[in-house]
Every structure is written in C-alpha cells, then in structure tokens.
Amino acid sequence: MIKLLSTLTGALMLTIAFGVATPASAETTTISTPAVQIADGHLKSEMKKKARKFPKNVAARKKAFKAMSKGMKGIKKARKTKNKKLLVASANRIAKASAYLHKNVDKLFSKQTAKVKGTRAKPAIWKKWRKFKAGFTTLRKASDGLVKASMSGKGVGKAFKAVGKSCGSCHKPFRFKKKKKKKM
C-alpha cells in the first residue's frame, strides 16, 4: 500500500490499494484493482456512481412506484406458493403506496417535474392532467379492494387484475417504455 500526503486543502491522503478497502470514515481517495473504484471518503458501488440525483418529489414518487412493483411481485409469489401472510403484506404495501400517490399526486407530479431528465414520465401527464389524476383514484379503489380480498381469501385474482389494469391504464399513455440495455 502506498500513501501520499498533500496539503492542497488540508491533508489529502491518496491510497493505492490492491484489493484492500479502507475504512469508510477515512478521508481517502481509493483506487483498487481489478475493478478500479474511485471514491472520496468511502467506496461507492457502481450503482451509486450511476444513480441520478432527483428532486425530492421525483425521488418520492419513484420510491412509491417501486414499492407498488415489489407488492405486485409479492402478490404473484404469494399466489403461487399459497402464502397468505405474504399475500396480505403485499396487498397492504400496494394500498399504502397507492394511497400516498393518490394523496400527493399534485406535489409528486408538479409542473416543474416535467423537465426532470431521467424519468419515464411523458409530457402527456400535464396535458391530460385530469385523466392522469383520476387514474390514481381508480388505483386507490382497486388496491383497497385487493386488501379486502387478500384478507378474506376470496376474489384475489379478480382484485389483482383490477389493480394491474389500473396500473396499465397509466403506463401506456403516460410513461415511456424502458430503454433496453446495450449488450457488450
């Protein structure tokens, strides 16, 4: 390990380590091989390096949609494995996220967020605002029905389809398709 001290803006320690990580609290710049990761203060994963910084309201809506996605996947798994506990928990996750989105749609999709790069939101959201906002009311009702069905064990398939249909009604007109990753 080679350490070099510099006095540019205080003490800057440059550590060149071969496969050795330094403590997260150390004020260091680390270059490790073979992955070659560079970080100030601590190692950052590749995902964190690529992560975009979004305004708080955009980050919050993305988090809510990810929770919904995780809930939908949980419902699928619960139905396959006949796991009622997972079914109810997943339905509640969906209902909680949809209630949050429904309540905060004006803040989460304010007109200022229309110009935020890195989201899949189409300009049609703000052009057809009433239709877009109404979709969250439909989603909320469908997700509440899914919670009731998951607790009783009756009509889960129908309620799950209603939530999926509600999600899809916004995905198609108001969300760009995911870009395919290039293969190397």
Foldseek 3Di string as FASTA:
>chain_A
DDWDWDCPPHTEIEDEDEPDFDDLQDQYWYAYPDVGFTDGSGTDDPCVVPDDDDPPLQVLLVVLVVLLVVLLVQCVVCVVVVPLVSQLVSLVSQLVSLVVCLVCVCPSPPVVCQPDPDFFWDPVCVVVVVVNSVLSVQLNVLSVVCNVCSVVVPPNVVSSVSNVVSVVVCCVPTGHDDDDDDDD
